[in-house]
Amino acid sequence: SSACYFQNCPRGGKRAMSDTELRQCLPCGPGGKGRCFGPNICCADELGCFVGTAEALRCQEENYLPSPCQSGQKPCGSGGRCATAGVCCSDESCVTEPECREGFLRLTRAREPSNATQLDGPARALLLRLVQMAGARESVDSA
């Protein structure tokens, strides 16, 4: 069985509740920065969407929660909601959606004082090591 996200709940039960009773879906992904959009979909503003990966495993826990949830800022596509900049997700899949770009660009600019790329620890360490190796190679070549 799959998780009951508001748009795919059967009538009655979880779906009998009003929109005002919807809670945010479970946090997921690296550092819990994302939100579940379906049983196999986790999306985060800065990181994009993880579909069918380890980052989305937590989203299957929605199966066991009694109340419906909803993630995303605004409706888009066919029963989906904007998940991250330019991406619309339903509980089953994600597609690119230009109408989802607008709000995320403004939110990111307001939240990020600089245009620096946000990297997690391992990615930051790898990038730093690559830059150091490139710098060492240049100094050997010029000597």
C-alpha atoms as a PDB file:
ATOM      1  CA  SER A   1       0.000   0.000   0.000  1.00  0.00           C
ATOM      2  CA  SER A   2       1.159   3.553  -0.556  1.00  0.00           C
ATOM      3  CA  ALA A   3       1.189   6.594   1.666  1.00  0.00           C
ATOM      4  CA  CYS A   4      -1.956   8.687   1.817  1.00  0.00           C
ATOM      5  CA  TYR A   5      -1.048  12.113   0.595  1.00  0.00           C
ATOM      6  CA  PHE A   6      -4.072  14.381   0.404  1.00  0.00           C
ATOM      7  CA  GLN A   7      -4.543  14.214  -3.368  1.00  0.00           C
ATOM      8  CA  ASN A   8      -4.611  10.389  -3.443  1.00  0.00           C
ATOM      9  CA  CYS A   9      -6.580   9.598  -0.269  1.00  0.00           C
ATOM     10  CA  PRO A  10      -9.805   7.636  -0.774  1.00  0.00           C
ATOM     11  CA  ARG A  11     -13.020   9.562  -0.045  1.00  0.00           C
ATOM     12  CA  GLY A  12     -13.922   9.411   3.622  1.00  0.00           C
ATOM     13  CA  GLY A  13     -11.181   8.604   6.114  1.00  0.00           C
ATOM     14  CA  LYS A  14      -8.268  10.997   5.772  1.00  0.00           C
ATOM     15  CA  ARG A  15      -9.788  12.821   2.789  1.00  0.00           C
ATOM     16  CA  ALA A  16     -12.981  13.696   4.709  1.00  0.00           C
ATOM     17  CA  MET A  17     -11.012  16.362   6.580  1.00  0.00           C
ATOM     18  CA  SER A  18     -11.077  19.945   5.402  1.00  0.00           C
ATOM     19  CA  ASP A  19      -8.113  21.713   3.796  1.00  0.00           C
ATOM     20  CA  THR A  20      -7.572  23.684   7.005  1.00  0.00           C
ATOM     21  CA  GLU A  21      -6.779  20.437   8.845  1.00  0.00           C
ATOM     22  CA  LEU A  22      -3.967  19.446   6.465  1.00  0.00           C
ATOM     23  CA  ARG A  23      -0.548  19.243   8.027  1.00  0.00           C
ATOM     24  CA  GLN A  24       2.836  19.523   6.335  1.00  0.00           C
ATOM     25  CA  CYS A  25       4.087  16.147   5.119  1.00  0.00           C
ATOM     26  CA  LEU A  26       7.055  14.619   6.929  1.00  0.00           C
ATOM     27  CA  PRO A  27      10.504  16.183   6.598  1.00  0.00           C
ATOM     28  CA  CYS A  28      12.999  14.119   4.600  1.00  0.00           C
ATOM     29  CA  GLY A  29      16.297  14.227   2.762  1.00  0.00           C
ATOM     30  CA  PRO A  30      19.697  15.524   3.846  1.00  0.00           C
ATOM     31  CA  GLY A  31      19.424  17.274   7.192  1.00  0.00           C
ATOM     32  CA  GLY A  32      15.621  16.967   7.069  1.00  0.00           C
ATOM     33  CA  LYS A  33      15.547  20.000   4.742  1.00  0.00           C
ATOM     34  CA  GLY A  34      13.054  18.441   2.323  1.00  0.00           C
ATOM     35  CA  ARG A  35       9.359  17.550   2.470  1.00  0.00           C
ATOM     36  CA  CYS A  36       7.663  14.386   1.280  1.00  0.00           C
ATOM     37  CA  PHE A  37       5.485  14.746  -1.821  1.00  0.00           C
ATOM     38  CA  GLY A  38       4.700  11.045  -2.215  1.00  0.00           C
ATOM     39  CA  PRO A  39       5.779   7.706  -0.769  1.00  0.00           C
ATOM     40  CA  ASN A  40       8.950   7.797  -2.894  1.00  0.00           C
ATOM     41  CA  ILE A  41       9.440  11.551  -3.457  1.00  0.00           C
ATOM     42  CA  CYS A  42      11.372  14.005  -1.281  1.00  0.00           C
ATOM     43  CA  CYS A  43      11.965  17.595  -2.444  1.00  0.00           C
ATOM     44  CA  ALA A  44      13.981  20.435  -0.919  1.00  0.00           C
ATOM     45  CA  ASP A  45      14.231  24.027  -2.165  1.00  0.00           C
ATOM     46  CA  GLU A  46      18.025  24.061  -2.401  1.00  0.00           C
ATOM     47  CA  LEU A  47      18.550  20.404  -3.337  1.00  0.00           C
ATOM     48  CA  GLY A  48      15.825  19.549  -5.849  1.00  0.00           C
ATOM     49  CA  CYS A  49      13.839  16.307  -5.732  1.00  0.00           C
ATOM     50  CA  PHE A  50      14.880  12.783  -4.813  1.00  0.00           C
ATOM     51  CA  VAL A  51      12.653  10.144  -6.442  1.00  0.00           C
ATOM     52  CA  GLY A  52      12.983   6.528  -5.339  1.00  0.00           C
ATOM     53  CA  THR A  53      16.250   7.128  -3.489  1.00  0.00           C
ATOM     54  CA  ALA A  54      17.362   6.612   0.110  1.00  0.00           C
ATOM     55  CA  GLU A  55      16.587  10.291   0.790  1.00  0.00           C
ATOM     56  CA  ALA A  56      12.893   9.557   0.135  1.00  0.00           C
ATOM     57  CA  LEU A  57      12.591   6.406   2.289  1.00  0.00           C
ATOM     58  CA  ARG A  58      11.183   8.313   5.263  1.00  0.00           C
ATOM     59  CA  CYS A  59       8.201   9.345   3.132  1.00  0.00           C
ATOM     60  CA  GLN A  60       6.799   5.810   3.347  1.00  0.00           C
ATOM     61  CA  GLU A  61       6.069   6.493   7.031  1.00  0.00           C
ATOM     62  CA  GLU A  62       3.025   8.518   5.910  1.00  0.00           C
ATOM     63  CA  ASN A  63       1.316   5.093   5.524  1.00  0.00           C
ATOM     64  CA  TYR A  64       1.098   4.867   9.286  1.00  0.00           C
ATOM     65  CA  LEU A  65      -0.084   8.373  10.137  1.00  0.00           C
ATOM     66  CA  PRO A  66      -3.830   8.942  10.603  1.00  0.00           C
ATOM     67  CA  SER A  67      -4.109  12.456   9.149  1.00  0.00           C
ATOM     68  CA  PRO A  68      -3.554  13.618   5.553  1.00  0.00           C
ATOM     69  CA  CYS A  69      -0.668  15.861   4.614  1.00  0.00           C
ATOM     70  CA  GLN A  70       0.188  18.266   1.841  1.00  0.00           C
ATOM     71  CA  SER A  71       3.499  19.722   0.706  1.00  0.00           C
ATOM     72  CA  GLY A  72       4.290  22.418  -1.787  1.00  0.00           C
ATOM     73  CA  GLN A  73       3.360  26.029  -2.188  1.00  0.00           C
ATOM     74  CA  LYS A  74       0.773  26.102  -4.951  1.00  0.00           C
ATOM     75  CA  PRO A  75      -1.174  23.684  -7.160  1.00  0.00           C
ATOM     76  CA  CYS A  76       0.300  22.846 -10.572  1.00  0.00           C
ATOM     77  CA  GLY A  77      -0.013  20.357 -13.392  1.00  0.00           C
ATOM     78  CA  SER A  78      -2.468  17.505 -12.989  1.00  0.00           C
ATOM     79  CA  GLY A  79      -3.058  17.209  -9.246  1.00  0.00           C
ATOM     80  CA  GLY A  80       0.462  18.223  -8.280  1.00  0.00           C
ATOM     81  CA  ARG A  81       2.027  21.016  -6.257  1.00  0.00           C
ATOM     82  CA  CYS A  82       5.140  23.107  -6.858  1.00  0.00           C
ATOM     83  CA  ALA A  83       7.966  21.274  -5.115  1.00  0.00           C
ATOM     84  CA  THR A  84      11.036  23.333  -5.988  1.00  0.00           C
ATOM     85  CA  ALA A  85      12.039  25.880  -8.627  1.00  0.00           C
ATOM     86  CA  GLY A  86      10.542  24.719 -11.923  1.00  0.00           C
ATOM     87  CA  VAL A  87       9.371  21.319 -10.631  1.00  0.00           C
ATOM     88  CA  CYS A  88       5.801  20.126 -10.061  1.00  0.00           C
ATOM     89  CA  CYS A  89       5.249  16.871  -8.136  1.00  0.00           C
ATOM     90  CA  SER A  90       2.198  14.707  -7.564  1.00  0.00           C
ATOM     91  CA  ASP A  91       2.334  11.801  -5.136  1.00  0.00           C
ATOM     92  CA  GLU A  92       3.648   9.563  -7.953  1.00  0.00           C
ATOM     93  CA  SER A  93       6.001  11.636 -10.122  1.00  0.00           C
ATOM     94  CA  CYS A  94       7.616  15.005 -10.836  1.00  0.00           C
ATOM     95  CA  VAL A  95       7.714  17.037 -14.048  1.00  0.00           C
ATOM     96  CA  THR A  96       9.305  20.323 -15.052  1.00  0.00           C
ATOM     97  CA  GLU A  97       6.777  23.135 -14.794  1.00  0.00           C
ATOM     98  CA  PRO A  98       7.641  26.746 -15.714  1.00  0.00           C
ATOM     99  CA  GLU A  99       4.806  28.117 -13.548  1.00  0.00           C
ATOM    100  CA  CYS A 100       6.661  26.768 -10.484  1.00  0.00           C
ATOM    101  CA  ARG A 101       9.751  28.931 -11.078  1.00  0.00           C
ATOM    102  CA  GLU A 102       8.316  32.247  -9.907  1.00  0.00           C
ATOM    103  CA  GLY A 103       7.896  31.964  -6.135  1.00  0.00           C
ATOM    104  CA  PHE A 104      11.021  29.894  -5.568  1.00  0.00           C
ATOM    105  CA  LEU A 105      13.340  32.379  -7.253  1.00  0.00           C
ATOM    106  CA  ARG A 106      12.048  35.166  -5.027  1.00  0.00           C
ATOM    107  CA  LEU A 107      12.237  33.007  -1.899  1.00  0.00           C
ATOM    108  CA  THR A 108      15.781  31.907  -2.658  1.00  0.00           C
ATOM    109  CA  ARG A 109      16.947  35.443  -3.315  1.00  0.00           C
ATOM    110  CA  ALA A 110      15.345  36.711  -0.128  1.00  0.00           C
ATOM    111  CA  ARG A 111      16.817  33.896   1.953  1.00  0.00           C
ATOM    112  CA  GLU A 112      20.279  33.799   0.382  1.00  0.00           C
ATOM    113  CA  PRO A 113      22.288  37.003   0.895  1.00  0.00           C
ATOM    114  CA  SER A 114      24.931  35.795  -1.589  1.00  0.00           C
ATOM    115  CA  ASN A 115      24.877  33.682  -4.696  1.00  0.00           C
ATOM    116  CA  ALA A 116      27.191  31.067  -3.193  1.00  0.00           C
ATOM    117  CA  THR A 117      26.286  27.449  -3.884  1.00  0.00           C
ATOM    118  CA  GLN A 118      25.175  25.555  -0.787  1.00  0.00           C
ATOM    119  CA  LEU A 119      26.978  22.202  -0.450  1.00  0.00           C
ATOM    120  CA  ASP A 120      26.775  19.537   2.214  1.00  0.00           C
ATOM    121  CA  GLY A 121      29.931  18.384   4.041  1.00  0.00           C
ATOM    122  CA  PRO A 122      31.137  15.596   1.692  1.00  0.00           C
ATOM    123  CA  ALA A 123      30.392  17.594  -1.478  1.00  0.00           C
ATOM    124  CA  ARG A 124      32.122  20.670  -0.042  1.00  0.00           C
ATOM    125  CA  ALA A 125      35.183  18.592   0.922  1.00  0.00           C
ATOM    126  CA  LEU A 126      35.370  17.024  -2.549  1.00  0.00           C
ATOM    127  CA  LEU A 127      35.074  20.379  -4.297  1.00  0.00           C
ATOM    128  CA  LEU A 128      37.745  21.887  -2.040  1.00  0.00           C
ATOM    129  CA  ARG A 129      40.082  18.936  -2.733  1.00  0.00           C
ATOM    130  CA  LEU A 130      39.560  19.278  -6.512  1.00  0.00           C
ATOM    131  CA  VAL A 131      40.336  23.001  -6.359  1.00  0.00           C
ATOM    132  CA  GLN A 132      43.474  22.291  -4.305  1.00  0.00           C
ATOM    133  CA  MET A 133      44.612  19.609  -6.773  1.00  0.00           C
ATOM    134  CA  ALA A 134      44.034  21.930  -9.731  1.00  0.00           C
ATOM    135  CA  GLY A 135      46.031  24.684  -7.984  1.00  0.00           C
ATOM    136  CA  ALA A 136      48.903  22.274  -7.228  1.00  0.00           C
ATOM    137  CA  ARG A 137      48.979  21.085 -10.851  1.00  0.00           C
ATOM    138  CA  GLU A 138      49.124  24.697 -12.150  1.00  0.00           C
ATOM    139  CA  SER A 139      52.043  25.582  -9.864  1.00  0.00           C
ATOM    140  CA  VAL A 140      53.988  22.470 -11.051  1.00  0.00           C
ATOM    141  CA  ASP A 141      53.278  23.314 -14.725  1.00  0.00           C
ATOM    142  CA  SER A 142      54.458  26.919 -14.346  1.00  0.00           C
ATOM    143  CA  ALA A 143      57.706  25.967 -12.521  1.00  0.00           C
END
